[in-house]
Amino acid sequence: MNKVVLDISHVDMEFDTPGGKFKALDDVDLQISKGEFVSLIGHSGCGKSTVLNIVAGLYQATRGGIILNGKEVNEPGPERAVVFQNHSLLPWLTSYENVELAVKQVFKKTKSKAEIKEWVEHNLRLVHMDHAMNKRPSEISGGMKQRVGIARALSMQPDILLMDEPFGALDALTRSHMQDSLMEIQNELNNTVIMITHDVDEAVLLSDRIVMMTNGPEATIGEILDINLERPRDRIALSEDKEYTHLRHEVLTFLYEKQRKIETINTKKPQASEEKKVKDSHAA
């Protein structure tokens, strides 16, 4: 087994609101190994993006913490590259210049101008965007913009790639192509990836493990599902694979049956407490 590179250790997250403290996460504990592809899945409001933002160093956990390669994470850094649903490209720069900006921030002191140029072009080739490196975001499609965003993230050579629904805004066909490209890239580079998704098929297709989150408030890890499908994976072949169908069913069962049972139990707890108060007051 590969060594653990990321330790999300007993993380709680509270936010101050006008109505008081809101506890978004409760005791989220997860260890991720080098080269592993992990998907976080759950209903809206289950704290997936909060977990990702804490790993990225954008939020500080109320309790617990993040250890990456033996060092505590307490601020953003190039060893954790983030790809958002919105590509976040600078519109006045070309595809090449958008990637070059990230490369210069990380490697300005260690790479020559020629090496920087080669490295930018290499990463654009990796996502099949070398043909459009001189085009601005307004001149390319949504899927192409996202490819440039992924090239920019990879160009920083991060220890871990964080992806927040990176294909959520794309049409189904483009999304499929992007998933295939991501599998190719991960197979070639052996990246460690955490990806947020709402798409069950996407999670099963891409992941080594799927982390299923309970609904908030006080969201936590409900179940973790190992995806032991051989790589490389072919979506057409998997569509008729019994194990793929079983894994997909397991995720859907958690999201739409087990999660409902958890909510029913949680909603009954306060009622039981109130009933006890009423009984106690009558006894007094």
C-alpha atoms as a PDB file:
ATOM      1  CA  MET A   1       0.000   0.000   0.000  1.00  0.00           C
ATOM      2  CA  ASN A   2       1.273   3.508  -0.833  1.00  0.00           C
ATOM      3  CA  LYS A   3       2.165   5.788   2.035  1.00  0.00           C
ATOM      4  CA  VAL A   4      -0.383   8.239   3.437  1.00  0.00           C
ATOM      5  CA  VAL A   5       0.257  11.735   2.058  1.00  0.00           C
ATOM      6  CA  LEU A   6      -2.821  13.488   3.434  1.00  0.00           C
ATOM      7  CA  ASP A   7      -4.295  13.074   6.893  1.00  0.00           C
ATOM      8  CA  ILE A   8      -7.625  14.807   7.542  1.00  0.00           C
ATOM      9  CA  SER A   9      -7.605  14.330  11.292  1.00  0.00           C
ATOM     10  CA  HIS A  10     -10.854  14.560  13.308  1.00  0.00           C
ATOM     11  CA  VAL A  11     -11.952  17.831  11.717  1.00  0.00           C
ATOM     12  CA  ASP A  12     -14.831  19.917  13.051  1.00  0.00           C
ATOM     13  CA  MET A  13     -15.894  23.158  11.383  1.00  0.00           C
ATOM     14  CA  GLU A  14     -18.098  25.843  12.923  1.00  0.00           C
ATOM     15  CA  PHE A  15     -19.186  29.125  11.360  1.00  0.00           C
ATOM     16  CA  ASP A  16     -20.462  32.224  13.136  1.00  0.00           C
ATOM     17  CA  THR A  17     -23.939  33.183  11.918  1.00  0.00           C
ATOM     18  CA  PRO A  18     -26.462  35.825  13.041  1.00  0.00           C
ATOM     19  CA  GLY A  19     -28.342  32.981  14.755  1.00  0.00           C
ATOM     20  CA  GLY A  20     -25.242  31.732  16.582  1.00  0.00           C
ATOM     21  CA  LYS A  21     -22.735  28.965  15.873  1.00  0.00           C
ATOM     22  CA  PHE A  22     -23.400  26.669  12.909  1.00  0.00           C
ATOM     23  CA  LYS A  23     -21.521  23.364  12.963  1.00  0.00           C
ATOM     24  CA  ALA A  24     -20.963  22.341   9.362  1.00  0.00           C
ATOM     25  CA  LEU A  25     -18.620  19.372   9.934  1.00  0.00           C
ATOM     26  CA  ASP A  26     -18.351  16.903  12.806  1.00  0.00           C
ATOM     27  CA  ASP A  27     -15.305  14.656  13.290  1.00  0.00           C
ATOM     28  CA  VAL A  28     -14.342  14.159   9.636  1.00  0.00           C
ATOM     29  CA  ASP A  29     -11.430  11.699   9.679  1.00  0.00           C
ATOM     30  CA  LEU A  30      -9.842  10.447   6.456  1.00  0.00           C
ATOM     31  CA  GLN A  31      -6.401   9.324   5.308  1.00  0.00           C
ATOM     32  CA  ILE A  32      -5.442   9.423   1.630  1.00  0.00           C
ATOM     33  CA  SER A  33      -2.509   7.570   0.060  1.00  0.00           C
ATOM     34  CA  LYS A  34      -0.140   8.709  -2.663  1.00  0.00           C
ATOM     35  CA  GLY A  35      -1.610   8.216  -6.150  1.00  0.00           C
ATOM     36  CA  GLU A  36      -5.122   7.621  -4.820  1.00  0.00           C
ATOM     37  CA  PHE A  37      -8.218   9.094  -6.472  1.00  0.00           C
ATOM     38  CA  VAL A  38     -10.875   9.839  -3.862  1.00  0.00           C
ATOM     39  CA  SER A  39     -14.335  11.247  -4.592  1.00  0.00           C
ATOM     40  CA  LEU A  40     -16.477  13.044  -2.028  1.00  0.00           C
ATOM     41  CA  ILE A  41     -20.172  12.622  -2.746  1.00  0.00           C
ATOM     42  CA  GLY A  42     -23.347  13.647  -0.967  1.00  0.00           C
ATOM     43  CA  HIS A  43     -26.379  15.886  -1.165  1.00  0.00           C
ATOM     44  CA  SER A  44     -26.038  19.664  -1.373  1.00  0.00           C
ATOM     45  CA  GLY A  45     -25.093  21.159   1.965  1.00  0.00           C
ATOM     46  CA  CYS A  46     -23.271  18.073   3.241  1.00  0.00           C
ATOM     47  CA  GLY A  47     -19.968  19.895   3.705  1.00  0.00           C
ATOM     48  CA  LYS A  48     -18.032  18.526   0.709  1.00  0.00           C
ATOM     49  CA  SER A  49     -16.721  21.925  -0.362  1.00  0.00           C
ATOM     50  CA  THR A  50     -15.972  22.837   3.251  1.00  0.00           C
ATOM     51  CA  VAL A  51     -13.716  19.773   3.528  1.00  0.00           C
ATOM     52  CA  LEU A  52     -11.976  20.719   0.276  1.00  0.00           C
ATOM     53  CA  ASN A  53     -11.501  24.336   1.388  1.00  0.00           C
ATOM     54  CA  ILE A  54      -9.939  23.205   4.666  1.00  0.00           C
ATOM     55  CA  VAL A  55      -7.512  20.942   2.779  1.00  0.00           C
ATOM     56  CA  ALA A  56      -6.756  23.842   0.422  1.00  0.00           C
ATOM     57  CA  GLY A  57      -5.946  26.062   3.423  1.00  0.00           C
ATOM     58  CA  LEU A  58      -8.770  28.504   2.652  1.00  0.00           C
ATOM     59  CA  TYR A  59     -10.552  27.631   5.933  1.00  0.00           C
ATOM     60  CA  GLN A  60      -9.068  26.761   9.312  1.00  0.00           C
ATOM     61  CA  ALA A  61     -10.720  23.841  11.098  1.00  0.00           C
ATOM     62  CA  THR A  62     -12.364  24.616  14.441  1.00  0.00           C
ATOM     63  CA  ARG A  63     -11.014  21.346  15.790  1.00  0.00           C
ATOM     64  CA  GLY A  64      -8.582  18.813  14.346  1.00  0.00           C
ATOM     65  CA  GLY A  65      -6.380  19.585  11.382  1.00  0.00           C
ATOM     66  CA  ILE A  66      -4.785  18.672   8.066  1.00  0.00           C
ATOM     67  CA  ILE A  67      -1.361  17.066   7.727  1.00  0.00           C
ATOM     68  CA  LEU A  68       0.174  16.915   4.241  1.00  0.00           C
ATOM     69  CA  ASN A  69       3.440  15.000   3.906  1.00  0.00           C
ATOM     70  CA  GLY A  70       4.091  15.394   7.620  1.00  0.00           C
ATOM     71  CA  LYS A  71       3.440  19.155   7.725  1.00  0.00           C
ATOM     72  CA  GLU A  72       0.386  20.933   9.096  1.00  0.00           C
ATOM     73  CA  VAL A  73      -1.716  22.824   6.560  1.00  0.00           C
ATOM     74  CA  ASN A  74      -2.736  26.301   7.750  1.00  0.00           C
ATOM     75  CA  GLU A  75      -2.664  28.383   4.568  1.00  0.00           C
ATOM     76  CA  PRO A  76      -2.939  27.962   0.775  1.00  0.00           C
ATOM     77  CA  GLY A  77       0.112  26.645  -1.055  1.00  0.00           C
ATOM     78  CA  PRO A  78       1.200  25.415  -4.510  1.00  0.00           C
ATOM     79  CA  GLU A  79       1.483  21.834  -3.231  1.00  0.00           C
ATOM     80  CA  ARG A  80      -2.345  21.835  -3.244  1.00  0.00           C
ATOM     81  CA  ALA A  81      -3.714  22.943  -6.620  1.00  0.00           C
ATOM     82  CA  VAL A  82      -7.453  23.586  -6.930  1.00  0.00           C
ATOM     83  CA  VAL A  83      -9.645  23.186 -10.015  1.00  0.00           C
ATOM     84  CA  PHE A  84     -13.076  24.767  -9.587  1.00  0.00           C
ATOM     85  CA  GLN A  85     -16.296  24.270 -11.538  1.00  0.00           C
ATOM     86  CA  ASN A  86     -15.705  27.766 -12.887  1.00  0.00           C
ATOM     87  CA  HIS A  87     -12.413  27.591 -14.778  1.00  0.00           C
ATOM     88  CA  SER A  88     -11.242  30.922 -13.224  1.00  0.00           C
ATOM     89  CA  LEU A  89      -9.034  31.781 -16.182  1.00  0.00           C
ATOM     90  CA  LEU A  90      -7.945  35.400 -16.581  1.00  0.00           C
ATOM     91  CA  PRO A  91      -9.898  36.551 -19.664  1.00  0.00           C
ATOM     92  CA  TRP A  92      -7.233  38.954 -20.973  1.00  0.00           C
ATOM     93  CA  LEU A  93      -4.562  36.222 -21.088  1.00  0.00           C
ATOM     94  CA  THR A  94      -4.140  33.444 -23.636  1.00  0.00           C
ATOM     95  CA  SER A  95      -4.266  29.779 -22.635  1.00  0.00           C
ATOM     96  CA  TYR A  96      -0.460  29.748 -22.677  1.00  0.00           C
ATOM     97  CA  GLU A  97      -0.225  32.877 -20.527  1.00  0.00           C
ATOM     98  CA  ASN A  98      -2.745  31.566 -17.987  1.00  0.00           C
ATOM     99  CA  VAL A  99      -0.621  28.470 -17.423  1.00  0.00           C
ATOM    100  CA  GLU A 100       2.627  30.439 -17.603  1.00  0.00           C
ATOM    101  CA  LEU A 101       1.439  32.686 -14.759  1.00  0.00           C
ATOM    102  CA  ALA A 102       1.142  29.695 -12.412  1.00  0.00           C
ATOM    103  CA  VAL A 103       4.460  28.212 -13.551  1.00  0.00           C
ATOM    104  CA  LYS A 104       6.315  31.467 -12.913  1.00  0.00           C
ATOM    105  CA  GLN A 105       4.833  31.743  -9.422  1.00  0.00           C
ATOM    106  CA  VAL A 106       6.179  28.317  -8.482  1.00  0.00           C
ATOM    107  CA  PHE A 107       9.313  27.851 -10.619  1.00  0.00           C
ATOM    108  CA  LYS A 108      10.587  31.372 -11.370  1.00  0.00           C
ATOM    109  CA  LYS A 109      13.742  30.794  -9.285  1.00  0.00           C
ATOM    110  CA  THR A 110      14.405  27.221 -10.394  1.00  0.00           C
ATOM    111  CA  LYS A 111      13.581  27.143 -14.131  1.00  0.00           C
ATOM    112  CA  SER A 112      15.100  29.171 -16.963  1.00  0.00           C
ATOM    113  CA  LYS A 113      12.916  31.012 -19.477  1.00  0.00           C
ATOM    114  CA  ALA A 114      13.389  28.179 -21.971  1.00  0.00           C
ATOM    115  CA  GLU A 115      12.514  25.572 -19.334  1.00  0.00           C
ATOM    116  CA  ILE A 116       9.405  27.519 -18.317  1.00  0.00           C
ATOM    117  CA  LYS A 117       8.297  27.708 -21.960  1.00  0.00           C
ATOM    118  CA  GLU A 118       8.806  23.953 -22.432  1.00  0.00           C
ATOM    119  CA  TRP A 119       7.004  23.147 -19.170  1.00  0.00           C
ATOM    120  CA  VAL A 120       3.977  25.304 -20.074  1.00  0.00           C
ATOM    121  CA  GLU A 121       3.737  23.703 -23.508  1.00  0.00           C
ATOM    122  CA  HIS A 122       4.171  20.220 -21.998  1.00  0.00           C
ATOM    123  CA  ASN A 123       1.208  20.700 -19.660  1.00  0.00           C
ATOM    124  CA  LEU A 124      -0.990  22.100 -22.424  1.00  0.00           C
ATOM    125  CA  ARG A 125      -0.095  19.067 -24.565  1.00  0.00           C
ATOM    126  CA  LEU A 126      -1.010  16.830 -21.621  1.00  0.00           C
ATOM    127  CA  VAL A 127      -4.617  18.108 -21.731  1.00  0.00           C
ATOM    128  CA  HIS A 128      -4.696  18.240 -25.569  1.00  0.00           C
ATOM    129  CA  MET A 129      -4.758  22.058 -25.676  1.00  0.00           C
ATOM    130  CA  ASP A 130      -1.443  22.810 -27.379  1.00  0.00           C
ATOM    131  CA  HIS A 131      -3.322  23.657 -30.597  1.00  0.00           C
ATOM    132  CA  ALA A 132      -5.142  26.528 -28.845  1.00  0.00           C
ATOM    133  CA  MET A 133      -2.401  27.881 -26.606  1.00  0.00           C
ATOM    134  CA  ASN A 134      -2.575  31.350 -28.170  1.00  0.00           C
ATOM    135  CA  LYS A 135      -6.336  31.706 -27.831  1.00  0.00           C
ATOM    136  CA  ARG A 136      -8.074  33.638 -25.049  1.00  0.00           C
ATOM    137  CA  PRO A 137     -10.873  32.115 -22.923  1.00  0.00           C
ATOM    138  CA  SER A 138     -13.555  33.908 -24.962  1.00  0.00           C
ATOM    139  CA  GLU A 139     -12.323  32.109 -28.077  1.00  0.00           C
ATOM    140  CA  ILE A 140     -12.579  28.546 -26.759  1.00  0.00           C
ATOM    141  CA  SER A 141     -15.370  26.259 -25.505  1.00  0.00           C
ATOM    142  CA  GLY A 142     -16.279  25.489 -21.897  1.00  0.00           C
ATOM    143  CA  GLY A 143     -14.590  22.105 -21.998  1.00  0.00           C
ATOM    144  CA  MET A 144     -11.437  23.629 -23.478  1.00  0.00           C
ATOM    145  CA  LYS A 145     -11.358  26.275 -20.748  1.00  0.00           C
ATOM    146  CA  GLN A 146     -11.556  23.560 -18.127  1.00  0.00           C
ATOM    147  CA  ARG A 147      -8.702  21.709 -19.808  1.00  0.00           C
ATOM    148  CA  VAL A 148      -6.564  24.842 -19.524  1.00  0.00           C
ATOM    149  CA  GLY A 149      -7.563  25.135 -15.865  1.00  0.00           C
ATOM    150  CA  ILE A 150      -6.411  21.552 -15.273  1.00  0.00           C
ATOM    151  CA  ALA A 151      -3.159  22.227 -17.163  1.00  0.00           C
ATOM    152  CA  ARG A 152      -2.559  25.267 -14.953  1.00  0.00           C
ATOM    153  CA  ALA A 153      -3.112  23.191 -11.811  1.00  0.00           C
ATOM    154  CA  LEU A 154      -0.883  20.323 -13.006  1.00  0.00           C
ATOM    155  CA  SER A 155       1.868  22.726 -14.055  1.00  0.00           C
ATOM    156  CA  MET A 156       2.509  23.557 -10.394  1.00  0.00           C
ATOM    157  CA  GLN A 157       3.375  19.883  -9.779  1.00  0.00           C
ATOM    158  CA  PRO A 158       1.132  19.729  -6.713  1.00  0.00           C
ATOM    159  CA  ASP A 159       1.327  16.933  -4.164  1.00  0.00           C
ATOM    160  CA  ILE A 160      -2.449  16.773  -4.302  1.00  0.00           C
ATOM    161  CA  LEU A 161      -4.984  17.934  -6.877  1.00  0.00           C
ATOM    162  CA  LEU A 162      -8.266  19.258  -5.445  1.00  0.00           C
ATOM    163  CA  MET A 163     -11.233  19.335  -7.829  1.00  0.00           C
ATOM    164  CA  ASP A 164     -14.558  20.935  -6.893  1.00  0.00           C
ATOM    165  CA  GLU A 165     -17.138  19.586  -9.368  1.00  0.00           C
ATOM    166  CA  PRO A 166     -14.770  20.376 -12.240  1.00  0.00           C
ATOM    167  CA  PHE A 167     -17.117  19.084 -14.951  1.00  0.00           C
ATOM    168  CA  GLY A 168     -20.431  20.122 -13.405  1.00  0.00           C
ATOM    169  CA  ALA A 169     -21.095  22.958 -15.853  1.00  0.00           C
ATOM    170  CA  LEU A 170     -20.326  20.926 -18.995  1.00  0.00           C
ATOM    171  CA  ASP A 171     -22.710  19.122 -21.324  1.00  0.00           C
ATOM    172  CA  ALA A 172     -22.867  15.331 -21.006  1.00  0.00           C
ATOM    173  CA  LEU A 173     -20.679  14.516 -24.028  1.00  0.00           C
ATOM    174  CA  THR A 174     -17.973  17.036 -23.123  1.00  0.00           C
ATOM    175  CA  ARG A 175     -18.086  15.817 -19.539  1.00  0.00           C
ATOM    176  CA  SER A 176     -17.458  12.236 -20.709  1.00  0.00           C
ATOM    177  CA  HIS A 177     -14.450  13.359 -22.766  1.00  0.00           C
ATOM    178  CA  MET A 178     -13.060  15.279 -19.779  1.00  0.00           C
ATOM    179  CA  GLN A 179     -13.471  12.262 -17.502  1.00  0.00           C
ATOM    180  CA  ASP A 180     -11.569  10.117 -20.003  1.00  0.00           C
ATOM    181  CA  SER A 181      -8.815  12.738 -20.212  1.00  0.00           C
ATOM    182  CA  LEU A 182      -8.560  12.914 -16.432  1.00  0.00           C
ATOM    183  CA  MET A 183      -8.185   9.127 -16.235  1.00  0.00           C
ATOM    184  CA  GLU A 184      -5.409   9.277 -18.854  1.00  0.00           C
ATOM    185  CA  ILE A 185      -3.596  12.028 -16.963  1.00  0.00           C
ATOM    186  CA  GLN A 186      -3.888  10.291 -13.609  1.00  0.00           C
ATOM    187  CA  ASN A 187      -2.681   7.043 -15.118  1.00  0.00           C
ATOM    188  CA  GLU A 188       0.362   8.821 -16.569  1.00  0.00           C
ATOM    189  CA  LEU A 189       1.249  11.044 -13.599  1.00  0.00           C
ATOM    190  CA  ASN A 190      -0.077   8.975 -10.677  1.00  0.00           C
ATOM    191  CA  ASN A 191      -1.583  12.122  -9.137  1.00  0.00           C
ATOM    192  CA  THR A 192      -3.238  12.128  -5.753  1.00  0.00           C
ATOM    193  CA  VAL A 193      -6.717  13.559  -6.351  1.00  0.00           C
ATOM    194  CA  ILE A 194      -9.685  14.582  -4.205  1.00  0.00           C
ATOM    195  CA  MET A 195     -12.740  15.367  -6.298  1.00  0.00           C
ATOM    196  CA  ILE A 196     -16.161  16.613  -5.257  1.00  0.00           C
ATOM    197  CA  THR A 197     -19.008  15.345  -7.408  1.00  0.00           C
ATOM    198  CA  HIS A 198     -22.776  14.904  -7.380  1.00  0.00           C
ATOM    199  CA  ASP A 199     -22.561  12.375 -10.211  1.00  0.00           C
ATOM    200  CA  VAL A 200     -22.663   8.730  -9.054  1.00  0.00           C
ATOM    201  CA  ASP A 201     -21.443   7.316 -12.385  1.00  0.00           C
ATOM    202  CA  GLU A 202     -18.558   9.784 -12.455  1.00  0.00           C
ATOM    203  CA  ALA A 203     -17.537   8.831  -8.920  1.00  0.00           C
ATOM    204  CA  VAL A 204     -17.546   5.081  -9.644  1.00  0.00           C
ATOM    205  CA  LEU A 205     -15.761   5.495 -12.988  1.00  0.00           C
ATOM    206  CA  LEU A 206     -12.907   7.657 -11.703  1.00  0.00           C
ATOM    207  CA  SER A 207     -12.336   6.702  -8.078  1.00  0.00           C
ATOM    208  CA  ASP A 208     -10.306   4.298  -5.999  1.00  0.00           C
ATOM    209  CA  ARG A 209     -12.547   5.156  -3.037  1.00  0.00           C
ATOM    210  CA  ILE A 210     -15.835   7.018  -2.694  1.00  0.00           C
ATOM    211  CA  VAL A 211     -16.383   8.914   0.547  1.00  0.00           C
ATOM    212  CA  MET A 212     -20.113   9.339   1.164  1.00  0.00           C
ATOM    213  CA  MET A 213     -21.044  12.284   3.372  1.00  0.00           C
ATOM    214  CA  THR A 214     -24.103  12.546   5.609  1.00  0.00           C
ATOM    215  CA  ASN A 215     -26.306  15.609   5.300  1.00  0.00           C
ATOM    216  CA  GLY A 216     -25.582  18.714   7.363  1.00  0.00           C
ATOM    217  CA  PRO A 217     -25.581  20.317   9.779  1.00  0.00           C
ATOM    218  CA  GLU A 218     -22.826  18.405  11.596  1.00  0.00           C
ATOM    219  CA  ALA A 219     -22.073  16.472   8.420  1.00  0.00           C
ATOM    220  CA  THR A 220     -19.568  13.659   8.645  1.00  0.00           C
ATOM    221  CA  ILE A 221     -18.374  10.608   6.719  1.00  0.00           C
ATOM    222  CA  GLY A 222     -21.217   8.118   6.509  1.00  0.00           C
ATOM    223  CA  GLU A 223     -19.548   5.326   4.548  1.00  0.00           C
ATOM    224  CA  ILE A 224     -16.420   4.736   2.460  1.00  0.00           C
ATOM    225  CA  LEU A 225     -16.707   2.483  -0.576  1.00  0.00           C
ATOM    226  CA  ASP A 226     -13.643   0.826  -2.150  1.00  0.00           C
ATOM    227  CA  ILE A 227     -13.766   0.751  -5.960  1.00  0.00           C
ATOM    228  CA  ASN A 228     -11.775  -2.297  -6.970  1.00  0.00           C
ATOM    229  CA  LEU A 229     -12.241  -2.006 -10.720  1.00  0.00           C
ATOM    230  CA  GLU A 230      -9.195  -2.665 -12.888  1.00  0.00           C
ATOM    231  CA  ARG A 231      -7.475   0.261 -14.577  1.00  0.00           C
ATOM    232  CA  PRO A 232      -7.440   1.518 -17.245  1.00  0.00           C
ATOM    233  CA  ARG A 233     -11.220   1.733 -17.253  1.00  0.00           C
ATOM    234  CA  ASP A 234     -13.490   1.746 -20.286  1.00  0.00           C
ATOM    235  CA  ARG A 235     -16.883   3.348 -19.720  1.00  0.00           C
ATOM    236  CA  ILE A 236     -18.589   1.267 -22.428  1.00  0.00           C
ATOM    237  CA  ALA A 237     -17.277  -2.043 -21.083  1.00  0.00           C
ATOM    238  CA  LEU A 238     -18.130  -1.022 -17.504  1.00  0.00           C
ATOM    239  CA  SER A 239     -21.737  -0.246 -18.423  1.00  0.00           C
ATOM    240  CA  GLU A 240     -22.336  -4.026 -18.599  1.00  0.00           C
ATOM    241  CA  ASP A 241     -19.995  -4.961 -15.733  1.00  0.00           C
ATOM    242  CA  LYS A 242     -21.782  -6.541 -12.735  1.00  0.00           C
ATOM    243  CA  GLU A 243     -19.307  -5.137 -10.199  1.00  0.00           C
ATOM    244  CA  TYR A 244     -19.719  -1.620 -11.612  1.00  0.00           C
ATOM    245  CA  THR A 245     -23.502  -1.954 -11.382  1.00  0.00           C
ATOM    246  CA  HIS A 246     -23.198  -3.232  -7.806  1.00  0.00           C
ATOM    247  CA  LEU A 247     -20.945  -0.341  -6.746  1.00  0.00           C
ATOM    248  CA  ARG A 248     -23.253   2.203  -8.364  1.00  0.00           C
ATOM    249  CA  HIS A 249     -26.184   0.621  -6.496  1.00  0.00           C
ATOM    250  CA  GLU A 250     -24.274   0.861  -3.192  1.00  0.00           C
ATOM    251  CA  VAL A 251     -23.751   4.609  -3.609  1.00  0.00           C
ATOM    252  CA  LEU A 252     -27.368   5.226  -4.619  1.00  0.00           C
ATOM    253  CA  THR A 253     -28.587   3.137  -1.675  1.00  0.00           C
ATOM    254  CA  PHE A 254     -26.590   5.267   0.746  1.00  0.00           C
ATOM    255  CA  LEU A 255     -27.688   8.572  -0.772  1.00  0.00           C
ATOM    256  CA  TYR A 256     -31.388   7.807  -1.064  1.00  0.00           C
ATOM    257  CA  GLU A 257     -32.175   5.112   1.530  1.00  0.00           C
ATOM    258  CA  LYS A 258     -29.570   5.005   4.284  1.00  0.00           C
ATOM    259  CA  GLN A 259     -29.312   8.786   4.390  1.00  0.00           C
ATOM    260  CA  ARG A 260     -33.096   9.031   4.856  1.00  0.00           C
ATOM    261  CA  LYS A 261     -32.875   6.652   7.843  1.00  0.00           C
ATOM    262  CA  ILE A 262     -30.096   8.766   9.385  1.00  0.00           C
ATOM    263  CA  GLU A 263     -32.220  11.902   8.998  1.00  0.00           C
ATOM    264  CA  THR A 264     -35.228  10.139  10.560  1.00  0.00           C
ATOM    265  CA  ILE A 265     -33.150   9.104  13.585  1.00  0.00           C
ATOM    266  CA  ASN A 266     -31.711  12.615  13.958  1.00  0.00           C
ATOM    267  CA  THR A 267     -35.106  14.310  13.740  1.00  0.00           C
ATOM    268  CA  LYS A 268     -36.500  11.987  16.396  1.00  0.00           C
ATOM    269  CA  LYS A 269     -33.731  12.765  18.894  1.00  0.00           C
ATOM    270  CA  PRO A 270     -34.832  16.339  19.723  1.00  0.00           C
ATOM    271  CA  GLN A 271     -38.447  15.171  19.994  1.00  0.00           C
ATOM    272  CA  ALA A 272     -37.436  12.502  22.487  1.00  0.00           C
ATOM    273  CA  SER A 273     -35.540  15.112  24.480  1.00  0.00           C
ATOM    274  CA  GLU A 274     -38.557  17.430  24.543  1.00  0.00           C
ATOM    275  CA  GLU A 275     -40.808  14.567  25.682  1.00  0.00           C
ATOM    276  CA  LYS A 276     -38.407  13.898  28.564  1.00  0.00           C
ATOM    277  CA  LYS A 277     -38.564  17.570  29.604  1.00  0.00           C
ATOM    278  CA  VAL A 278     -42.365  17.442  29.636  1.00  0.00           C
ATOM    279  CA  LYS A 279     -42.348  14.266  31.761  1.00  0.00           C
ATOM    280  CA  ASP A 280     -39.793  15.769  34.137  1.00  0.00           C
ATOM    281  CA  SER A 281     -41.875  18.933  34.575  1.00  0.00           C
ATOM    282  CA  HIS A 282     -44.974  16.868  35.359  1.00  0.00           C
ATOM    283  CA  ALA A 283     -43.006  14.766  37.885  1.00  0.00           C
ATOM    284  CA  ALA A 284     -41.855  17.945  39.584  1.00  0.00           C
END
